[in-house]
Amino acid sequence: MSITNKRRAKLIHEILVEVVNDIIKNDQIDYINITNVELSNDLSFSTVYYTILNDEPEILSLLEKLLEKNKVEIRKKLAEQIRSMKKIPMLIFKYDNSVTYGKKIEQLLNQI
């Protein structure tokens, strides 16, 4: 990824942290942490990685559905806040399981 795209990804990341948590309101989901944003070279797609504290399968499934349902609105809000980009990428949300994986490794290490 070029330096310019890294800057754009960082800007998108900063805005999405706020926008996603403003739009996705649910009693079972406290806070959605956007961990990383990766942009395609042509800026047509942006992969947004996220985690949540309560990573139970049913909560993750609910969040996945909410993100998919609100994807257009999230992208619209992103476009409103980023005037410098000619093209706002399509958003692809993916759960970042590195935190869950890290917890499992920590549990295994504690058993030793």
N, C-alpha and C. Protein backbone atom coordinates (compact mmCIF):
# COMPACT_ATOMS: atom_id res chain seq x y z
N MET A 1 0.85 -1.18 0.00
CA MET A 1 0.00 0.00 0.00
C MET A 1 0.90 1.24 0.00
N SER A 2 0.58 2.19 -0.85
CA SER A 2 1.38 3.41 -0.95
C SER A 2 1.19 4.27 0.30
N ILE A 3 2.08 5.23 0.46
CA ILE A 3 2.01 6.12 1.63
C ILE A 3 0.69 6.89 1.62
N THR A 4 0.28 7.34 0.44
CA THR A 4 -0.99 8.07 0.34
C THR A 4 -2.16 7.19 0.75
N ASN A 5 -2.15 5.95 0.31
CA ASN A 5 -3.23 5.03 0.69
C ASN A 5 -3.19 4.72 2.18
N LYS A 6 -2.01 4.66 2.76
CA LYS A 6 -1.91 4.45 4.21
C LYS A 6 -2.53 5.61 4.96
N ARG A 7 -2.29 6.82 4.47
CA ARG A 7 -2.89 8.00 5.10
C ARG A 7 -4.42 7.97 4.97
N ARG A 8 -4.87 7.60 3.79
CA ARG A 8 -6.32 7.51 3.57
C ARG A 8 -6.94 6.44 4.47
N ALA A 9 -6.27 5.31 4.58
CA ALA A 9 -6.77 4.23 5.44
C ALA A 9 -6.83 4.69 6.89
N LYS A 10 -5.81 5.44 7.32
CA LYS A 10 -5.80 5.95 8.69
C LYS A 10 -6.96 6.92 8.91
N LEU A 11 -7.19 7.79 7.95
CA LEU A 11 -8.30 8.75 8.05
C LEU A 11 -9.64 8.02 8.10
N ILE A 12 -9.82 7.04 7.23
CA ILE A 12 -11.05 6.25 7.22
C ILE A 12 -11.22 5.54 8.56
N HIS A 13 -10.14 4.99 9.08
CA HIS A 13 -10.17 4.31 10.38
C HIS A 13 -10.67 5.24 11.48
N GLU A 14 -10.07 6.44 11.55
CA GLU A 14 -10.44 7.41 12.59
C GLU A 14 -11.92 7.79 12.50
N ILE A 15 -12.41 7.98 11.32
CA ILE A 15 -13.81 8.38 11.14
C ILE A 15 -14.74 7.21 11.44
N LEU A 16 -14.38 6.01 10.98
CA LEU A 16 -15.25 4.85 11.19
C LEU A 16 -15.42 4.50 12.66
N VAL A 17 -14.40 4.71 13.47
CA VAL A 17 -14.52 4.43 14.91
C VAL A 17 -15.73 5.16 15.47
N GLU A 18 -15.86 6.42 15.09
CA GLU A 18 -16.97 7.24 15.57
C GLU A 18 -18.29 6.87 14.89
N VAL A 19 -18.26 6.81 13.57
CA VAL A 19 -19.48 6.59 12.78
C VAL A 19 -20.13 5.25 13.10
N VAL A 20 -19.33 4.19 13.13
CA VAL A 20 -19.89 2.85 13.37
C VAL A 20 -20.56 2.79 14.74
N ASN A 21 -19.92 3.35 15.75
CA ASN A 21 -20.50 3.30 17.09
C ASN A 21 -21.71 4.22 17.24
N ASP A 22 -21.79 5.26 16.41
CA ASP A 22 -22.98 6.12 16.43
C ASP A 22 -24.17 5.44 15.76
N ILE A 23 -23.91 4.72 14.68
CA ILE A 23 -24.99 4.11 13.91
C ILE A 23 -25.45 2.79 14.52
N ILE A 24 -24.53 1.96 14.94
CA ILE A 24 -24.88 0.64 15.48
C ILE A 24 -25.20 0.80 16.97
N LYS A 25 -26.45 0.82 17.27
CA LYS A 25 -26.92 0.93 18.66
C LYS A 25 -27.67 -0.34 19.02
N ASN A 26 -27.18 -1.03 20.04
CA ASN A 26 -27.83 -2.26 20.48
C ASN A 26 -27.45 -2.49 21.93
N ASP A 27 -28.40 -2.95 22.73
CA ASP A 27 -28.16 -3.18 24.16
C ASP A 27 -27.10 -4.24 24.41
N GLN A 28 -26.97 -5.19 23.51
CA GLN A 28 -26.04 -6.30 23.71
C GLN A 28 -24.62 -5.97 23.26
N ILE A 29 -24.47 -4.88 22.52
CA ILE A 29 -23.16 -4.50 21.98
C ILE A 29 -22.74 -3.17 22.60
N ASP A 30 -21.71 -3.22 23.43
CA ASP A 30 -21.26 -2.01 24.12
C ASP A 30 -20.48 -1.08 23.19
N TYR A 31 -19.37 -1.58 22.68
CA TYR A 31 -18.47 -0.74 21.89
C TYR A 31 -17.83 -1.59 20.80
N ILE A 32 -17.82 -1.07 19.61
CA ILE A 32 -17.19 -1.75 18.48
C ILE A 32 -15.83 -1.10 18.25
N ASN A 33 -14.79 -1.89 18.38
CA ASN A 33 -13.44 -1.38 18.19
C ASN A 33 -12.99 -1.68 16.77
N ILE A 34 -12.71 -0.64 16.02
CA ILE A 34 -12.18 -0.80 14.67
C ILE A 34 -10.67 -0.97 14.82
N THR A 35 -10.16 -2.15 14.50
CA THR A 35 -8.75 -2.44 14.74
C THR A 35 -7.85 -2.08 13.56
N ASN A 36 -8.39 -2.17 12.34
CA ASN A 36 -7.56 -1.90 11.17
C ASN A 36 -8.45 -1.63 9.96
N VAL A 37 -7.91 -0.86 9.04
CA VAL A 37 -8.58 -0.60 7.77
C VAL A 37 -7.55 -0.80 6.66
N GLU A 38 -7.90 -1.63 5.69
CA GLU A 38 -7.02 -1.86 4.53
C GLU A 38 -7.75 -1.40 3.27
N LEU A 39 -7.06 -0.60 2.47
CA LEU A 39 -7.63 -0.09 1.22
C LEU A 39 -7.07 -0.85 0.03
N SER A 40 -7.92 -1.12 -0.95
CA SER A 40 -7.41 -1.70 -2.20
C SER A 40 -6.64 -0.60 -2.95
N ASN A 41 -5.75 -1.00 -3.83
CA ASN A 41 -4.92 -0.03 -4.56
C ASN A 41 -5.74 0.96 -5.38
N ASP A 42 -6.86 0.50 -5.92
CA ASP A 42 -7.70 1.39 -6.73
C ASP A 42 -8.77 2.11 -5.92
N LEU A 43 -8.73 1.96 -4.59
CA LEU A 43 -9.65 2.62 -3.65
C LEU A 43 -11.10 2.19 -3.80
N SER A 44 -11.34 1.09 -4.46
CA SER A 44 -12.73 0.66 -4.65
C SER A 44 -13.27 -0.12 -3.45
N PHE A 45 -12.37 -0.75 -2.69
CA PHE A 45 -12.79 -1.53 -1.53
C PHE A 45 -11.96 -1.18 -0.31
N SER A 46 -12.60 -1.26 0.83
CA SER A 46 -11.91 -1.06 2.09
C SER A 46 -12.34 -2.17 3.04
N THR A 47 -11.38 -2.95 3.51
CA THR A 47 -11.67 -4.01 4.46
C THR A 47 -11.50 -3.42 5.85
N VAL A 48 -12.56 -3.49 6.63
CA VAL A 48 -12.59 -2.90 7.97
C VAL A 48 -12.62 -4.04 8.99
N TYR A 49 -11.58 -4.12 9.80
CA TYR A 49 -11.49 -5.17 10.82
C TYR A 49 -11.98 -4.61 12.15
N TYR A 50 -12.77 -5.40 12.86
CA TYR A 50 -13.36 -4.93 14.11
C TYR A 50 -13.32 -6.03 15.17
N THR A 51 -13.43 -5.61 16.43
CA THR A 51 -13.58 -6.53 17.56
C THR A 51 -14.62 -5.94 18.51
N ILE A 52 -15.13 -6.79 19.39
CA ILE A 52 -16.01 -6.34 20.47
C ILE A 52 -15.62 -7.10 21.73
N LEU A 53 -15.96 -6.52 22.87
CA LEU A 53 -15.60 -7.16 24.14
C LEU A 53 -16.35 -8.47 24.34
N ASN A 54 -17.64 -8.45 24.06
CA ASN A 54 -18.46 -9.64 24.23
C ASN A 54 -18.44 -10.42 22.92
N ASP A 55 -17.51 -11.36 22.82
CA ASP A 55 -17.34 -12.06 21.54
C ASP A 55 -18.04 -13.42 21.49
N GLU A 56 -19.20 -13.50 22.14
CA GLU A 56 -20.00 -14.72 22.05
C GLU A 56 -20.54 -14.85 20.62
N PRO A 57 -20.66 -16.09 20.13
CA PRO A 57 -21.08 -16.29 18.73
C PRO A 57 -22.39 -15.61 18.36
N GLU A 58 -23.39 -15.64 19.24
CA GLU A 58 -24.67 -15.01 18.89
C GLU A 58 -24.57 -13.49 18.82
N ILE A 59 -23.71 -12.90 19.65
CA ILE A 59 -23.51 -11.45 19.62
C ILE A 59 -22.74 -11.07 18.35
N LEU A 60 -21.73 -11.86 18.00
CA LEU A 60 -20.97 -11.61 16.77
C LEU A 60 -21.87 -11.72 15.54
N SER A 61 -22.76 -12.69 15.55
CA SER A 61 -23.69 -12.87 14.44
C SER A 61 -24.63 -11.67 14.32
N LEU A 62 -25.13 -11.20 15.46
CA LEU A 62 -26.00 -10.03 15.49
C LEU A 62 -25.26 -8.81 14.94
N LEU A 63 -24.04 -8.61 15.40
CA LEU A 63 -23.26 -7.46 14.95
C LEU A 63 -22.97 -7.54 13.45
N GLU A 64 -22.64 -8.72 12.99
CA GLU A 64 -22.38 -8.91 11.56
C GLU A 64 -23.61 -8.50 10.74
N LYS A 65 -24.79 -8.90 11.19
CA LYS A 65 -26.03 -8.55 10.49
C LYS A 65 -26.28 -7.04 10.54
N LEU A 66 -26.02 -6.43 11.70
CA LEU A 66 -26.23 -4.98 11.84
C LEU A 66 -25.27 -4.20 10.95
N LEU A 67 -24.02 -4.63 10.89
CA LEU A 67 -23.05 -3.95 10.04
C LEU A 67 -23.44 -4.08 8.57
N GLU A 68 -23.86 -5.26 8.18
CA GLU A 68 -24.28 -5.48 6.79
C GLU A 68 -25.51 -4.63 6.45
N LYS A 69 -26.45 -4.58 7.37
CA LYS A 69 -27.69 -3.83 7.16
C LYS A 69 -27.42 -2.33 7.05
N ASN A 70 -26.44 -1.83 7.82
CA ASN A 70 -26.16 -0.40 7.88
C ASN A 70 -24.95 0.03 7.05
N LYS A 71 -24.45 -0.86 6.23
CA LYS A 71 -23.24 -0.60 5.45
C LYS A 71 -23.37 0.65 4.57
N VAL A 72 -24.51 0.82 3.93
CA VAL A 72 -24.72 1.96 3.03
C VAL A 72 -24.74 3.27 3.83
N GLU A 73 -25.44 3.26 4.95
CA GLU A 73 -25.49 4.47 5.79
C GLU A 73 -24.11 4.82 6.34
N ILE A 74 -23.35 3.82 6.75
CA ILE A 74 -22.00 4.05 7.26
C ILE A 74 -21.13 4.67 6.16
N ARG A 75 -21.23 4.14 4.96
CA ARG A 75 -20.45 4.66 3.84
C ARG A 75 -20.87 6.10 3.51
N LYS A 76 -22.16 6.37 3.59
CA LYS A 76 -22.68 7.72 3.33
C LYS A 76 -22.11 8.72 4.34
N LYS A 77 -22.12 8.34 5.62
CA LYS A 77 -21.56 9.21 6.67
C LYS A 77 -20.07 9.41 6.47
N LEU A 78 -19.39 8.37 6.03
CA LEU A 78 -17.97 8.46 5.74
C LEU A 78 -17.73 9.48 4.62
N ALA A 79 -18.54 9.41 3.57
CA ALA A 79 -18.42 10.33 2.44
C ALA A 79 -18.67 11.77 2.87
N GLU A 80 -19.60 11.98 3.80
CA GLU A 80 -19.90 13.33 4.28
C GLU A 80 -18.71 13.94 5.00
N GLN A 81 -17.92 13.10 5.66
CA GLN A 81 -16.80 13.61 6.45
C GLN A 81 -15.48 13.65 5.68
N ILE A 82 -15.40 12.94 4.57
CA ILE A 82 -14.18 12.95 3.76
C ILE A 82 -14.49 13.60 2.43
N ARG A 83 -14.18 14.85 2.32
CA ARG A 83 -14.44 15.58 1.07
C ARG A 83 -13.24 15.47 0.12
N SER A 84 -12.07 15.13 0.65
CA SER A 84 -10.85 15.13 -0.17
C SER A 84 -10.73 13.91 -1.08
N MET A 85 -11.50 12.87 -0.83
CA MET A 85 -11.42 11.67 -1.66
C MET A 85 -12.51 11.70 -2.73
N LYS A 86 -12.09 11.50 -3.98
CA LYS A 86 -13.06 11.49 -5.08
C LYS A 86 -13.95 10.25 -5.02
N LYS A 87 -13.36 9.17 -4.54
CA LYS A 87 -14.06 7.88 -4.53
C LYS A 87 -14.06 7.33 -3.11
N ILE A 88 -15.24 7.05 -2.59
CA ILE A 88 -15.35 6.44 -1.26
C ILE A 88 -15.48 4.94 -1.47
N PRO A 89 -14.59 4.16 -0.86
CA PRO A 89 -14.59 2.71 -1.11
C PRO A 89 -15.81 2.00 -0.54
N MET A 90 -16.14 0.88 -1.17
CA MET A 90 -17.16 -0.02 -0.63
C MET A 90 -16.57 -0.63 0.63
N LEU A 91 -17.38 -0.81 1.66
CA LEU A 91 -16.89 -1.32 2.93
C LEU A 91 -17.15 -2.82 3.07
N ILE A 92 -16.11 -3.53 3.48
CA ILE A 92 -16.21 -4.95 3.77
C ILE A 92 -15.81 -5.12 5.23
N PHE A 93 -16.75 -5.54 6.06
CA PHE A 93 -16.48 -5.70 7.49
C PHE A 93 -16.07 -7.14 7.78
N LYS A 94 -14.96 -7.28 8.54
CA LYS A 94 -14.48 -8.61 8.93
C LYS A 94 -14.12 -8.59 10.41
N TYR A 95 -14.55 -9.63 11.10
CA TYR A 95 -14.22 -9.75 12.51
C TYR A 95 -12.73 -10.06 12.66
N ASP A 96 -12.07 -9.31 13.51
CA ASP A 96 -10.64 -9.51 13.79
C ASP A 96 -10.52 -10.48 14.95
N ASN A 97 -10.22 -11.72 14.65
CA ASN A 97 -10.18 -12.74 15.70
C ASN A 97 -8.83 -12.83 16.40
N SER A 98 -7.94 -11.90 16.14
CA SER A 98 -6.62 -11.94 16.78
C SER A 98 -6.72 -11.76 18.30
N VAL A 99 -7.69 -10.98 18.76
CA VAL A 99 -7.86 -10.79 20.21
C VAL A 99 -8.32 -12.09 20.85
N THR A 100 -9.29 -12.75 20.24
CA THR A 100 -9.78 -14.04 20.74
C THR A 100 -8.65 -15.07 20.72
N TYR A 101 -7.89 -15.08 19.65
CA TYR A 101 -6.76 -16.00 19.52
C TYR A 101 -5.73 -15.72 20.61
N GLY A 102 -5.47 -14.45 20.86
CA GLY A 102 -4.53 -14.05 21.91
C GLY A 102 -4.99 -14.51 23.30
N LYS A 103 -6.30 -14.40 23.55
CA LYS A 103 -6.85 -14.85 24.83
C LYS A 103 -6.65 -16.35 25.01
N LYS A 104 -6.86 -17.11 23.94
CA LYS A 104 -6.69 -18.56 24.01
C LYS A 104 -5.24 -18.93 24.30
N ILE A 105 -4.32 -18.24 23.65
CA ILE A 105 -2.90 -18.51 23.88
C ILE A 105 -2.52 -18.16 25.32
N GLU A 106 -3.04 -17.04 25.81
CA GLU A 106 -2.77 -16.63 27.19
C GLU A 106 -3.29 -17.68 28.17
N GLN A 107 -4.48 -18.22 27.92
CA GLN A 107 -5.03 -19.26 28.79
C GLN A 107 -4.14 -20.50 28.77
N LEU A 108 -3.66 -20.87 27.60
CA LEU A 108 -2.78 -22.03 27.49
C LEU A 108 -1.46 -21.81 28.23
N LEU A 109 -0.93 -20.61 28.12
CA LEU A 109 0.32 -20.30 28.82
C LEU A 109 0.13 -20.30 30.33
N ASN A 110 -1.02 -19.86 30.78
CA ASN A 110 -1.31 -19.85 32.22
C ASN A 110 -1.45 -21.26 32.79
N GLN A 111 -1.80 -22.22 31.93
CA GLN A 111 -1.96 -23.60 32.37
C GLN A 111 -0.61 -24.30 32.55
N ILE A 112 0.43 -23.74 31.98
CA ILE A 112 1.76 -24.37 32.06
C ILE A 112 2.38 -24.13 33.42
